[in-house]
Protein backbone atom coordinates (compact mmCIF):
# COMPACT_ATOMS: atom_id res chain seq x y z
CA UNK A 1 -10.70 34.49 5.59
CA UNK A 2 -13.28 33.60 2.95
CA UNK A 3 -10.81 33.09 0.17
CA UNK A 4 -11.39 30.77 -2.77
CA UNK A 5 -10.26 27.14 -2.57
CA UNK A 6 -6.97 26.77 -4.52
CA UNK A 7 -7.19 24.93 -7.82
CA UNK A 8 -5.21 21.78 -7.09
CA UNK A 9 -4.78 18.36 -8.61
CA UNK A 10 -5.28 16.34 -5.41
CA UNK A 11 -6.01 16.71 -1.75
CA UNK A 12 -2.34 16.63 -0.80
CA UNK A 13 -1.02 19.51 -2.93
CA UNK A 14 -1.60 22.24 -0.38
CA UNK A 15 0.13 20.02 2.19
CA UNK A 16 3.56 20.82 0.92
CA UNK A 17 2.83 24.47 0.16
CA UNK A 18 2.02 25.08 3.80
CA UNK A 19 5.02 23.30 5.33
CA UNK A 20 7.12 26.47 5.26
CA UNK A 21 4.36 28.90 6.31
CA UNK A 22 3.37 29.31 9.96
CA UNK A 23 -0.15 30.30 9.00
CA UNK A 24 -1.91 27.14 7.88
CA UNK A 25 -4.89 27.75 5.51
CA UNK A 26 -6.30 24.35 6.44
CA UNK A 27 -6.53 25.39 10.08
CA UNK A 28 -8.22 28.67 9.13
CA UNK A 29 -10.75 26.80 7.01
CA UNK A 30 -11.82 24.74 10.02
CA UNK A 31 -12.97 27.71 12.18
CA UNK A 32 -16.52 26.47 12.44
CA UNK A 33 -15.67 22.87 13.21
CA UNK A 34 -17.49 21.58 16.31
CA UNK A 35 -14.51 19.38 17.02
CA UNK A 36 -11.78 21.99 16.94
CA UNK A 37 -11.92 25.78 16.53
CA UNK A 38 -8.70 27.37 15.36
CA UNK A 39 -8.55 31.15 14.96
CA UNK A 40 -5.96 33.02 12.96
CA UNK A 41 -4.11 34.17 16.04
CA UNK A 42 -3.65 30.62 17.29
CA UNK A 43 -2.46 29.52 13.88
CA UNK A 44 -0.08 32.45 13.59
CA UNK A 45 1.40 31.55 16.99
CA UNK A 46 2.45 28.19 15.53
CA UNK A 47 6.04 29.37 15.19
CA UNK A 48 7.79 26.33 16.68
CA UNK A 49 7.43 23.37 14.27
CA UNK A 50 8.22 20.97 17.13
CA UNK A 51 5.14 21.95 19.15
CA UNK A 52 1.75 20.30 18.85
CA UNK A 53 -0.20 21.96 16.02
CA UNK A 54 -2.94 24.24 17.41
CA UNK A 55 -5.56 22.36 15.41
CA UNK A 56 -5.39 19.67 18.12
CA UNK A 57 -6.86 20.48 21.53
CA UNK A 58 -4.73 17.95 23.42
CA UNK A 59 -2.18 15.19 23.04
CA UNK A 60 -4.98 12.60 23.15
CA UNK A 61 -6.82 14.43 20.35
CA UNK A 62 -3.64 14.42 18.26
CA UNK A 63 -2.89 10.75 18.86
CA UNK A 64 -6.42 9.52 18.14
CA UNK A 65 -6.61 11.59 14.95
CA UNK A 66 -3.27 10.27 13.70
CA UNK A 67 -4.30 6.68 14.49
CA UNK A 68 -7.52 7.10 12.51
CA UNK A 69 -5.55 8.49 9.56
CA UNK A 70 -3.02 5.64 9.71
CA UNK A 71 -5.79 3.16 8.92
CA UNK A 72 -6.05 4.64 5.39
CA UNK A 73 -2.86 3.09 3.95
CA UNK A 74 -3.42 0.10 6.22
CA UNK A 75 -6.71 -1.04 4.67
CA UNK A 76 -5.54 -2.53 1.36
CA UNK A 77 -2.44 -4.24 2.76
CA UNK A 78 -4.20 -5.57 5.87
CA UNK A 79 -7.07 -7.07 3.89
CA UNK A 80 -4.74 -8.54 1.25
CA UNK A 81 -2.56 -10.17 3.91
CA UNK A 82 -5.61 -11.47 5.77
CA UNK A 83 -7.01 -12.96 2.58
CA UNK A 84 -3.63 -14.59 1.85
CA UNK A 85 -3.68 -16.37 5.21
CA UNK A 86 -7.21 -17.60 4.58
CA UNK A 87 -6.35 -18.91 1.09
CA UNK A 88 -6.45 -22.55 2.17
CA UNK A 89 -9.88 -22.19 3.78
CA UNK A 90 -11.15 -20.24 0.76
CA UNK A 91 -9.72 -22.86 -1.59
CA UNK A 92 -11.46 -25.66 0.25
CA UNK A 93 -14.78 -23.81 0.24
CA UNK A 94 -14.82 -22.85 -3.45
CA UNK A 95 -12.81 -25.85 -4.75
CA UNK A 96 -10.33 -23.55 -6.52
CA UNK A 97 -6.53 -23.70 -6.35
CA UNK A 98 -3.40 -22.42 -8.04
CA UNK A 99 -3.02 -19.02 -9.67
CA UNK A 100 -6.79 -18.47 -10.01
CA UNK A 101 -7.04 -18.40 -6.25
CA UNK A 102 -4.70 -15.39 -5.99
CA UNK A 103 -7.33 -13.16 -7.59
CA UNK A 104 -9.18 -12.93 -4.29
CA UNK A 105 -5.96 -11.42 -2.88
CA UNK A 106 -4.52 -9.38 -5.74
CA UNK A 107 -7.91 -7.87 -6.62
CA UNK A 108 -7.74 -5.61 -3.55
CA UNK A 109 -4.26 -4.26 -4.35
CA UNK A 110 -4.90 -4.02 -8.09
CA UNK A 111 -8.10 -1.99 -7.69
CA UNK A 112 -6.58 0.15 -4.95
CA UNK A 113 -3.48 0.99 -6.96
CA UNK A 114 -5.40 1.70 -10.15
CA UNK A 115 -7.87 4.04 -8.44
CA UNK A 116 -5.53 5.95 -6.12
CA UNK A 117 -4.69 8.78 -8.51
CA UNK A 118 -8.27 9.19 -9.71
CA UNK A 119 -9.71 9.06 -6.20
CA UNK A 120 -7.25 11.67 -4.99
CA UNK A 121 -8.81 14.21 -7.33
CA UNK A 122 -12.31 13.21 -6.26
CA UNK A 123 -11.32 13.66 -2.63
CA UNK A 124 -10.12 17.14 -3.55
CA UNK A 125 -13.60 17.99 -4.83
CA UNK A 126 -15.44 16.97 -1.65
CA UNK A 127 -12.91 17.41 1.16
CA UNK A 128 -10.54 15.26 3.20
CA UNK A 129 -12.87 14.27 6.02
CA UNK A 130 -15.68 13.37 3.63
CA UNK A 131 -13.25 11.34 1.52
CA UNK A 132 -12.04 9.39 4.56
CA UNK A 133 -15.59 8.76 5.77
CA UNK A 134 -16.65 7.56 2.33
CA UNK A 135 -13.59 5.33 1.97
CA UNK A 136 -13.83 3.74 5.42
CA UNK A 137 -17.59 3.16 5.40
CA UNK A 138 -17.57 1.82 1.82
CA UNK A 139 -14.70 -0.49 2.70
CA UNK A 140 -16.67 -1.78 5.69
CA UNK A 141 -19.84 -2.28 3.62
CA UNK A 142 -18.09 -4.17 0.82
CA UNK A 143 -16.19 -6.29 3.34
CA UNK A 144 -19.47 -7.21 5.03
CA UNK A 145 -21.16 -8.10 1.74
CA UNK A 146 -18.13 -10.13 0.64
CA UNK A 147 -18.48 -12.23 3.77
CA UNK A 148 -21.84 -13.52 2.52
CA UNK A 149 -20.69 -14.48 -0.98
CA UNK A 150 -21.08 -18.06 -2.20
CA UNK A 151 -19.72 -17.39 -5.69
CA UNK A 152 -15.94 -17.03 -6.10
CA UNK A 153 -16.15 -14.43 -8.89
CA UNK A 154 -18.50 -12.24 -6.85
CA UNK A 155 -16.17 -12.62 -3.86
CA UNK A 156 -13.28 -11.29 -5.97
CA UNK A 157 -15.46 -8.43 -7.24
CA UNK A 158 -16.41 -7.24 -3.77
CA UNK A 159 -12.84 -7.55 -2.53
CA UNK A 160 -11.74 -5.42 -5.47
CA UNK A 161 -14.43 -2.88 -4.57
CA UNK A 162 -12.91 -2.73 -1.09
CA UNK A 163 -9.61 -1.66 -2.59
CA UNK A 164 -11.23 0.90 -4.90
CA UNK A 165 -13.36 2.38 -2.11
CA UNK A 166 -10.53 3.01 0.32
CA UNK A 167 -8.27 4.43 -2.42
CA UNK A 168 -9.60 7.93 -1.73
CA UNK A 169 -8.55 7.69 1.91
CA UNK A 170 -4.77 7.52 1.49
CA UNK A 171 -4.24 10.85 -0.35
CA UNK A 172 -6.80 12.53 1.91
CA UNK A 173 -5.02 11.33 5.06
CA UNK A 174 -1.60 12.27 3.71
CA UNK A 175 -2.92 15.69 2.71
CA UNK A 176 -4.32 16.33 6.18
CA UNK A 177 -1.04 15.45 7.90
CA UNK A 178 1.02 17.39 5.40
CA UNK A 179 -1.12 20.51 5.84
CA UNK A 180 -1.18 20.22 9.63
CA UNK A 181 2.51 19.60 10.38
CA UNK A 182 5.47 21.70 9.33
CA UNK A 183 8.78 20.16 8.35
CA UNK A 184 10.38 19.03 11.62
CA UNK A 185 11.38 16.05 13.71
CA UNK A 186 7.83 15.93 15.04
CA UNK A 187 6.57 15.58 11.48
CA UNK A 188 9.13 12.82 10.85
CA UNK A 189 7.74 10.86 13.79
CA UNK A 190 4.12 11.43 12.78
CA UNK A 191 4.77 10.50 9.14
CA UNK A 192 6.69 7.40 10.27
CA UNK A 193 3.71 6.32 12.37
CA UNK A 194 1.48 7.01 9.36
CA UNK A 195 3.84 4.97 7.18
CA UNK A 196 3.47 2.04 9.58
CA UNK A 197 -0.02 1.60 8.14
CA UNK A 198 0.95 -0.15 4.90
CA UNK A 199 3.70 -2.58 6.00
CA UNK A 200 2.51 -3.22 9.54
CA UNK A 201 -1.09 -3.42 8.43
CA UNK A 202 -0.03 -6.13 6.02
CA UNK A 203 1.94 -8.00 8.65
CA UNK A 204 -0.93 -7.74 11.17
CA UNK A 205 -3.39 -9.03 8.60
CA UNK A 206 -1.82 -12.49 8.79
CA UNK A 207 -2.42 -12.72 12.53
CA UNK A 208 -5.96 -11.30 12.28
CA UNK A 209 -6.92 -13.92 9.69
CA UNK A 210 -5.26 -16.68 11.70
CA UNK A 211 -7.35 -15.95 14.76
CA UNK A 212 -10.59 -15.44 12.81
CA UNK A 213 -10.27 -18.55 10.64
CA UNK A 214 -9.16 -20.83 13.50
CA UNK A 215 -12.05 -19.77 15.74
CA UNK A 216 -14.78 -19.34 13.10
CA UNK A 217 -14.20 -19.52 9.31
CA UNK A 218 -12.87 -17.46 6.40
CA UNK A 219 -16.02 -15.35 6.35
CA UNK A 220 -15.24 -13.98 9.81
CA UNK A 221 -12.21 -12.18 8.35
CA UNK A 222 -14.64 -10.05 6.35
CA UNK A 223 -16.82 -9.41 9.37
CA UNK A 224 -13.82 -8.38 11.48
CA UNK A 225 -12.61 -5.89 8.86
CA UNK A 226 -16.14 -4.51 8.52
CA UNK A 227 -16.38 -3.93 12.29
CA UNK A 228 -12.86 -2.46 12.50
CA UNK A 229 -13.45 0.12 9.77
CA UNK A 230 -16.90 0.94 11.02
CA UNK A 231 -15.31 1.89 14.35
CA UNK A 232 -12.53 3.79 12.57
CA UNK A 233 -15.05 5.78 10.52
CA UNK A 234 -16.76 6.81 13.76
CA UNK A 235 -13.37 8.00 15.04
CA UNK A 236 -12.90 10.10 11.89
CA UNK A 237 -16.39 11.56 12.29
CA UNK A 238 -15.83 12.56 15.91
CA UNK A 239 -12.20 13.71 15.95
CA UNK A 240 -11.19 15.10 12.55
CA UNK A 241 -12.05 18.77 11.89
CA UNK A 242 -14.96 19.30 9.52
CA UNK A 243 -14.40 20.24 5.89
CA UNK A 244 -15.59 23.55 4.54
CA UNK A 245 -18.89 23.49 2.70
CA UNK A 246 -18.61 21.83 -0.73
CA UNK A 247 -17.89 24.27 -3.55
CA UNK A 248 -19.94 22.59 -6.30
CA UNK A 249 -18.53 24.89 -8.99
CA UNK A 250 -15.00 23.85 -8.03
CA UNK A 251 -16.05 20.18 -7.79
CA UNK A 252 -17.61 20.29 -11.26
CA UNK A 253 -14.39 21.74 -12.67
CA UNK A 254 -12.38 18.90 -11.12
CA UNK A 255 -14.69 16.19 -12.49
CA UNK A 256 -14.50 17.69 -15.97
CA UNK A 257 -10.71 17.55 -16.11
CA UNK A 258 -10.23 14.07 -14.64
CA UNK A 259 -8.18 11.75 -16.83
CA UNK A 260 -10.71 8.92 -17.12
CA UNK A 261 -9.10 7.34 -20.17
CA UNK A 262 -5.71 7.21 -18.46
CA UNK A 263 -7.24 5.49 -15.43
CA UNK A 264 -9.00 2.96 -17.70
CA UNK A 265 -5.80 2.21 -19.63
CA UNK A 266 -3.72 1.64 -16.49
CA UNK A 267 -6.38 -0.55 -14.83
CA UNK A 268 -6.94 -2.61 -18.00
CA UNK A 269 -3.24 -3.05 -18.70
CA UNK A 270 -2.24 -4.25 -15.24
CA UNK A 271 -5.36 -6.43 -14.96
CA UNK A 272 -4.54 -8.24 -18.21
CA UNK A 273 -0.90 -8.72 -17.18
CA UNK A 274 -1.88 -10.16 -13.80
CA UNK A 275 -4.60 -12.32 -15.36
CA UNK A 276 -2.24 -13.88 -17.91
CA UNK A 277 0.42 -14.54 -15.26
CA UNK A 278 -1.98 -16.15 -12.78
CA UNK A 279 -4.09 -18.07 -15.30
CA UNK A 280 -1.19 -20.06 -16.78
CA UNK A 281 -1.50 -23.00 -14.41
CA UNK A 282 -5.25 -23.31 -15.11
CA UNK A 283 -4.69 -24.14 -18.78
CA UNK A 284 -3.58 -27.50 -20.17
CA UNK A 285 -0.93 -26.08 -22.51
CA UNK A 286 0.41 -23.51 -20.02
CA UNK A 287 2.46 -20.88 -21.89
CA UNK A 288 1.59 -22.44 -25.24
CA UNK A 289 -2.01 -21.36 -24.77
CA UNK A 290 -2.68 -18.65 -27.39
CA UNK A 291 -4.96 -16.41 -25.33
CA UNK A 292 -2.48 -16.31 -22.43
CA UNK A 293 0.24 -14.90 -24.69
CA UNK A 294 -2.20 -12.59 -26.46
CA UNK A 295 -3.55 -11.08 -23.23
CA UNK A 296 -0.04 -10.62 -21.83
CA UNK A 297 1.05 -8.77 -25.00
CA UNK A 298 -2.09 -6.60 -24.98
CA UNK A 299 -1.59 -5.80 -21.27
CA UNK A 300 2.04 -4.77 -21.77
CA UNK A 301 1.05 -2.72 -24.82
CA UNK A 302 -1.63 -0.90 -22.80
CA UNK A 303 0.84 -0.06 -20.02
CA UNK A 304 3.38 1.26 -22.55
CA UNK A 305 0.59 3.12 -24.36
CA UNK A 306 -0.49 4.59 -21.02
CA UNK A 307 2.99 6.08 -20.61
CA UNK A 308 2.94 7.70 -24.05
CA UNK A 309 -0.66 8.86 -23.58
CA UNK A 310 0.13 10.52 -20.24
CA UNK A 311 3.14 12.24 -21.80
CA UNK A 312 1.50 13.79 -24.85
CA UNK A 313 -2.32 13.78 -24.71
CA UNK A 314 -4.20 14.96 -21.56
CA UNK A 315 -3.84 18.52 -20.25
CA UNK A 316 -4.13 17.21 -16.68
CA UNK A 317 -2.60 13.71 -16.71
CA UNK A 318 -2.86 11.33 -13.79
CA UNK A 319 0.94 10.97 -13.81
CA UNK A 320 2.76 14.00 -15.24
CA UNK A 321 5.82 12.54 -16.92
CA UNK A 322 7.98 15.56 -16.06
CA UNK A 323 8.10 14.20 -12.50
CA UNK A 324 10.51 11.60 -13.80
CA UNK A 325 13.10 14.25 -14.59
CA UNK A 326 14.16 13.95 -10.94
CA UNK A 327 16.73 11.17 -10.58
CA UNK A 328 15.91 10.60 -6.91
CA UNK A 329 12.21 10.26 -7.68
CA UNK A 330 12.82 7.68 -10.42
CA UNK A 331 15.19 5.69 -8.22
CA UNK A 332 12.77 5.73 -5.26
CA UNK A 333 9.91 4.55 -7.47
CA UNK A 334 12.02 1.69 -8.89
CA UNK A 335 13.33 0.61 -5.47
CA UNK A 336 9.83 0.72 -3.92
CA UNK A 337 8.39 -1.27 -6.83
CA UNK A 338 11.01 -4.02 -6.48
CA UNK A 339 10.56 -4.04 -2.70
CA UNK A 340 6.78 -4.49 -2.81
CA UNK A 341 6.96 -7.19 -5.47
CA UNK A 342 9.29 -8.99 -3.09
CA UNK A 343 7.45 -8.40 0.17
CA UNK A 344 3.85 -9.14 -0.78
CA UNK A 345 4.23 -11.02 -4.04
CA UNK A 346 7.13 -13.36 -3.29
CA UNK A 347 8.12 -13.47 0.39
CA UNK A 348 4.80 -13.54 2.18
CA UNK A 349 2.76 -15.38 -0.44
CA UNK A 350 5.25 -18.25 -0.60
CA UNK A 351 5.68 -18.21 3.17
CA UNK A 352 1.94 -18.85 3.57
CA UNK A 353 2.17 -21.75 1.11
CA UNK A 354 5.21 -23.12 2.94
CA UNK A 355 3.62 -23.09 6.38
CA UNK A 356 0.12 -24.23 5.40
CA UNK A 357 0.73 -26.52 2.42
CA UNK A 358 4.17 -28.00 3.12
CA UNK A 359 4.57 -27.87 6.91
CA UNK A 360 0.82 -28.46 7.42
CA UNK A 361 0.58 -25.80 10.12
CA UNK A 362 -2.86 -24.68 11.21
CA UNK A 363 -3.98 -21.18 10.35
CA UNK A 364 -3.37 -19.89 13.88
CA UNK A 365 0.16 -21.34 14.00
CA UNK A 366 0.87 -19.79 10.61
CA UNK A 367 -0.34 -16.46 11.96
CA UNK A 368 1.98 -16.79 14.97
CA UNK A 369 4.88 -17.43 12.60
CA UNK A 370 4.23 -14.01 11.05
CA UNK A 371 4.17 -12.19 14.39
CA UNK A 372 7.83 -11.00 14.19
CA UNK A 373 6.88 -8.79 11.24
CA UNK A 374 4.48 -6.37 12.99
CA UNK A 375 6.56 -6.34 16.19
CA UNK A 376 9.93 -5.72 14.53
CA UNK A 377 8.32 -3.47 11.91
CA UNK A 378 6.85 -1.14 14.54
CA UNK A 379 10.26 -0.78 16.18
CA UNK A 380 11.97 -0.12 12.84
CA UNK A 381 9.42 2.54 11.86
CA UNK A 382 9.84 4.32 15.19
CA UNK A 383 13.62 4.16 14.77
CA UNK A 384 13.26 5.75 11.33
CA UNK A 385 11.03 8.47 12.74
CA UNK A 386 13.56 9.36 15.44
CA UNK A 387 16.64 9.23 13.21
CA UNK A 388 15.70 10.51 9.74
CA UNK A 389 16.88 13.99 10.80
CA UNK A 390 20.26 12.50 11.80
CA UNK A 391 21.01 9.60 9.43
CA UNK A 392 20.99 10.34 5.67
CA UNK A 393 18.10 8.63 3.91
CA UNK A 394 20.43 7.02 1.37
CA UNK A 395 22.03 4.89 4.08
CA UNK A 396 18.66 3.82 5.50
CA UNK A 397 17.41 2.71 2.07
CA UNK A 398 20.66 0.84 1.38
CA UNK A 399 20.37 -0.91 4.75
CA UNK A 400 16.77 -1.83 3.94
CA UNK A 401 17.73 -3.30 0.56
CA UNK A 402 20.43 -5.29 2.34
CA UNK A 403 17.72 -6.68 4.62
CA UNK A 404 15.81 -7.90 1.57
CA UNK A 405 18.91 -9.66 0.23
CA UNK A 406 19.55 -11.43 3.54
CA UNK A 407 15.90 -12.48 3.78
CA UNK A 408 15.94 -13.81 0.20
CA UNK A 409 19.09 -15.84 0.87
CA UNK A 410 17.63 -17.31 4.07
CA UNK A 411 14.52 -18.53 2.23
CA UNK A 412 16.45 -19.69 -0.86
CA UNK A 413 18.74 -21.84 1.31
CA UNK A 414 15.94 -23.06 3.57
CA UNK A 415 15.42 -26.82 3.78
CA UNK A 416 11.93 -28.25 3.71
CA UNK A 417 11.96 -29.21 7.42
CA UNK A 418 14.31 -26.57 8.91
CA UNK A 419 13.42 -25.34 12.37
CA UNK A 420 11.40 -22.12 12.27
CA UNK A 421 13.79 -20.26 14.58
CA UNK A 422 16.81 -21.19 12.46
CA UNK A 423 15.44 -19.76 9.23
CA UNK A 424 12.01 -18.13 8.68
CA UNK A 425 12.06 -16.27 12.01
CA UNK A 426 15.22 -14.34 11.12
CA UNK A 427 13.95 -13.76 7.62
CA UNK A 428 10.82 -12.05 8.95
CA UNK A 429 12.90 -9.88 11.27
CA UNK A 430 15.24 -8.56 8.57
CA UNK A 431 12.55 -8.25 5.87
CA UNK A 432 10.86 -5.43 7.77
CA UNK A 433 14.12 -3.49 7.69
CA UNK A 434 13.64 -3.25 3.96
CA UNK A 435 9.91 -2.57 4.01
CA UNK A 436 9.93 0.15 6.67
CA UNK A 437 13.13 1.95 5.73
CA UNK A 438 12.26 1.95 2.03
CA UNK A 439 8.68 3.10 2.61
CA UNK A 440 9.56 5.85 5.10
CA UNK A 441 12.46 7.34 3.18
CA UNK A 442 11.15 6.82 -0.37
CA UNK A 443 7.73 8.25 0.50
CA UNK A 444 9.26 11.45 1.93
CA UNK A 445 11.81 11.64 -0.88
CA UNK A 446 9.09 11.35 -3.52
CA UNK A 447 7.51 14.50 -2.08
CA UNK A 448 10.70 16.52 -1.73
CA UNK A 449 12.47 15.61 -4.97
CA UNK A 450 9.94 17.20 -7.38
CA UNK A 451 8.65 20.75 -7.71
CA UNK A 452 5.77 21.88 -5.52
CA UNK A 453 3.14 21.75 -8.25
CA UNK A 454 3.87 18.02 -8.75
CA UNK A 455 4.22 16.84 -5.15
CA UNK A 456 0.64 15.63 -4.79
CA UNK A 457 0.92 13.57 -7.98
CA UNK A 458 4.28 12.24 -6.76
CA UNK A 459 2.71 10.98 -3.53
CA UNK A 460 -0.16 9.39 -5.45
CA UNK A 461 2.21 7.82 -7.97
CA UNK A 462 4.36 6.34 -5.21
CA UNK A 463 1.42 4.64 -3.47
CA UNK A 464 -0.04 3.52 -6.80
CA UNK A 465 3.23 1.87 -7.80
CA UNK A 466 3.60 -0.15 -4.60
CA UNK A 467 0.03 -1.47 -4.79
CA UNK A 468 0.28 -2.46 -8.46
CA UNK A 469 3.73 -3.96 -7.86
CA UNK A 470 2.26 -6.21 -5.18
CA UNK A 471 -0.26 -7.57 -7.69
CA UNK A 472 2.42 -8.10 -10.34
CA UNK A 473 4.61 -9.82 -7.74
CA UNK A 474 1.83 -12.31 -7.03
CA UNK A 475 1.55 -12.97 -10.75
CA UNK A 476 5.30 -13.57 -11.00
CA UNK A 477 5.20 -16.01 -8.07
CA UNK A 478 2.37 -18.07 -9.54
CA UNK A 479 4.06 -18.09 -12.95
CA UNK A 480 7.32 -19.43 -11.49
CA UNK A 481 5.50 -22.03 -9.41
CA UNK A 482 3.49 -23.16 -12.44
CA UNK A 483 6.63 -23.45 -14.59
CA UNK A 484 8.64 -25.41 -12.00
CA UNK A 485 5.87 -27.56 -10.52
CA UNK A 486 3.71 -29.41 -13.08
CA UNK A 487 1.21 -30.25 -10.35
CA UNK A 488 0.71 -26.65 -9.13
CA UNK A 489 -2.97 -25.74 -9.20
CA UNK A 490 -3.98 -29.34 -9.86
CA UNK A 491 -5.93 -31.68 -7.60
CA UNK A 492 -2.77 -33.75 -7.03
CA UNK A 493 -0.72 -30.76 -5.81
CA UNK A 494 -0.87 -31.93 -2.18
CA UNK A 495 0.73 -35.25 -3.17
CA UNK A 496 3.84 -33.61 -4.66
CA UNK A 497 5.10 -31.24 -2.01
CA UNK A 498 8.77 -31.64 -2.99
CA UNK A 499 8.01 -30.17 -6.41
CA UNK A 500 6.06 -27.30 -4.83
CA UNK A 501 8.93 -26.52 -2.46
CA UNK A 502 11.40 -26.59 -5.35
CA UNK A 503 9.25 -24.08 -7.23
CA UNK A 504 9.16 -21.84 -4.17
CA UNK A 505 12.96 -21.81 -3.98
CA UNK A 506 13.09 -20.50 -7.55
CA UNK A 507 10.79 -17.67 -6.46
CA UNK A 508 13.34 -16.74 -3.82
CA UNK A 509 16.15 -16.93 -6.37
CA UNK A 510 14.26 -14.28 -8.32
CA UNK A 511 13.91 -12.41 -5.02
CA UNK A 512 17.69 -12.35 -4.64
CA UNK A 513 17.94 -10.79 -8.10
CA UNK A 514 15.27 -8.16 -7.35
CA UNK A 515 16.76 -7.22 -3.99
CA UNK A 516 20.27 -7.08 -5.47
CA UNK A 517 19.07 -4.73 -8.19
CA UNK A 518 17.32 -2.55 -5.58
CA UNK A 519 20.56 -2.40 -3.56
CA UNK A 520 22.54 -1.30 -6.62
CA UNK A 521 19.97 1.41 -7.38
CA UNK A 522 20.10 2.66 -3.78
CA UNK A 523 23.81 3.44 -4.19
CA UNK A 524 22.92 6.13 -6.75
CA UNK A 525 20.47 7.93 -4.44
CA UNK A 526 21.32 11.41 -3.22
CA UNK A 527 19.14 11.73 -0.13
CA UNK A 528 20.34 13.54 2.96
CA UNK A 529 18.68 13.94 6.35
CA UNK A 530 14.96 14.76 6.45
CA UNK A 531 13.22 17.16 8.83
CA UNK A 532 16.30 18.84 10.29
CA UNK A 533 15.34 22.29 11.55
CA UNK A 534 17.95 25.03 11.87
CA UNK A 535 17.60 27.04 15.05
C-alpha cells in the first residue's frame, strides 16, 4: 500500500499502464482523501469497465469532476477565441492594427504550447490536483491583472502568462481520467466530453466575448475568465481526490532531469517565426526588411535544431524522437497540425475580420454568428463518443478532413455581401466535423500507437502541436493579408475593404490546400475502432 511513486516522465504515464488492470494504483493512493475514500477491495471489484469507477461516490460526483477537468484544455482556446472577438475593441483602445494586434491572441496559444511538455513533468512532481489548482488559480490571477493593463505589451505578456500557467492542467487532467477509467465505451464517452474542451471552448469564447464587450468593454472579458476559473478551481478543490503527500526526493529528481534547453529552443524558435510573420505589415518595406527575413531564418533554424537536439543530446528529451517511428502517430500529428492552423489561424480569425471589419456587425451579432460552432460541435463530440467503438477512426478522420474542405470552399467562394445563412452558417456547421472528429480520434490514436513508456510524451506532444499550429496559422493569415492588401494594418485599411476581402479569399485558398493535404494523409491512416470491449 505504501509503495514508492513510479519514476515517470509526466503525470499521464501511469494512466495508460492502469487501463488494463482492475486494481488502480491511483485509487489506492487516495485512501485518505476527505472527498473520496477508496479501499483496495472496492478497487479490486472494479471488474466491469462500463461501470462507474469506485473513486466516484455518485453520478453527480463523476459528472462534476469530469466537467472541472474539461476546463483544462478549454482555457487556452476559450481565451484566445474571446480575445479574437474583442480585437476591434482592443485595437481602438491601444491604437494598434494589423499583424501586431494578433500578438494579444497568439501569445496565449504560443506560451501554452511551448510550456505543455515542461509543465507536464512539473505536475508529475507535485501531483495532479495541485497542478490543476495551480493552473486554474494562476490563469484567473493573470486574467484579472491583464484586465487592468493600459500598455499593449504588458497586456500581451499577461495573456501569455495565462497560457503558460494553465499548461500544467491539461496533462494532469488527462492523466487523472486515464488512470481512473479503463478502456471501454464509457471511457470513449468521457474522453470525448473531455475533448470538447479545446474546440468547443474556442467556439464558446467568441460568444462570451461578444456579450462582455457589447455590455461593458474588452476588459470585462478578462474579468469573466477570472471569475469562471476561480469557480472552477473551487470545484477542483472540493471534488477531486487529494494527492498523496509530496515526495520531495522524487520531485528534486524530476527537476534535475527536465530538458530546459529544449523548452527554450522550441519557445524561441516558434516565437521568432510568429513574430516575423505578423510583423511584416508593420514595416515599410514588408518582406524586403532585413530583420524580418533574418528573424524568420533564425526561428526556422532553431526549430530544426530543436529536432536534432532532442534526437541526440538529452537523456530525457521533451519529445523522444523514437515516437515518430509509428506511422499512425506521425500522420495524426500532421493532420492535427494542419487542422488547427485552419480552424484558429485561418477560418475563425478571418471570419472575425469579415463580420466586424467588412460587414460592420456589432460584437454581439458577430458572437451570434459563431453560435453554430459550439452547438454543432457538442453534438459531433457526443456522436464520436458513442460511435468510436463501432466506426473505425480512419473513416471519422477522413470525414472530418472532408468537412474542412467544404468549409474552405464555402468561404473561398463567398461574396462580400452574401447572406449569412447561405454561406458562413453552413461553413461553421461543417467545420466542427473536422475539429471534433480529428481531435477525438487523433488524441486517442496518439496514445495507442506508441509504446507504453512513450504514451505520456505522445499526449503532451499532440496538445503542444495543436497550440503552436494555431499560432503559426495566425502568422500565415496575417502574412497573406499583408501581401495581398497594401493597406492592411494601416490607418486607411477601413477605406479599402475590397482589398481586405480579396486578401481573405487568398487565405481560404490556402485553407483548401491545407485541408486537401490533410484529407490525403488521412487515407493512409490505419485506425480501427476504439474502446471495444470483448465480453
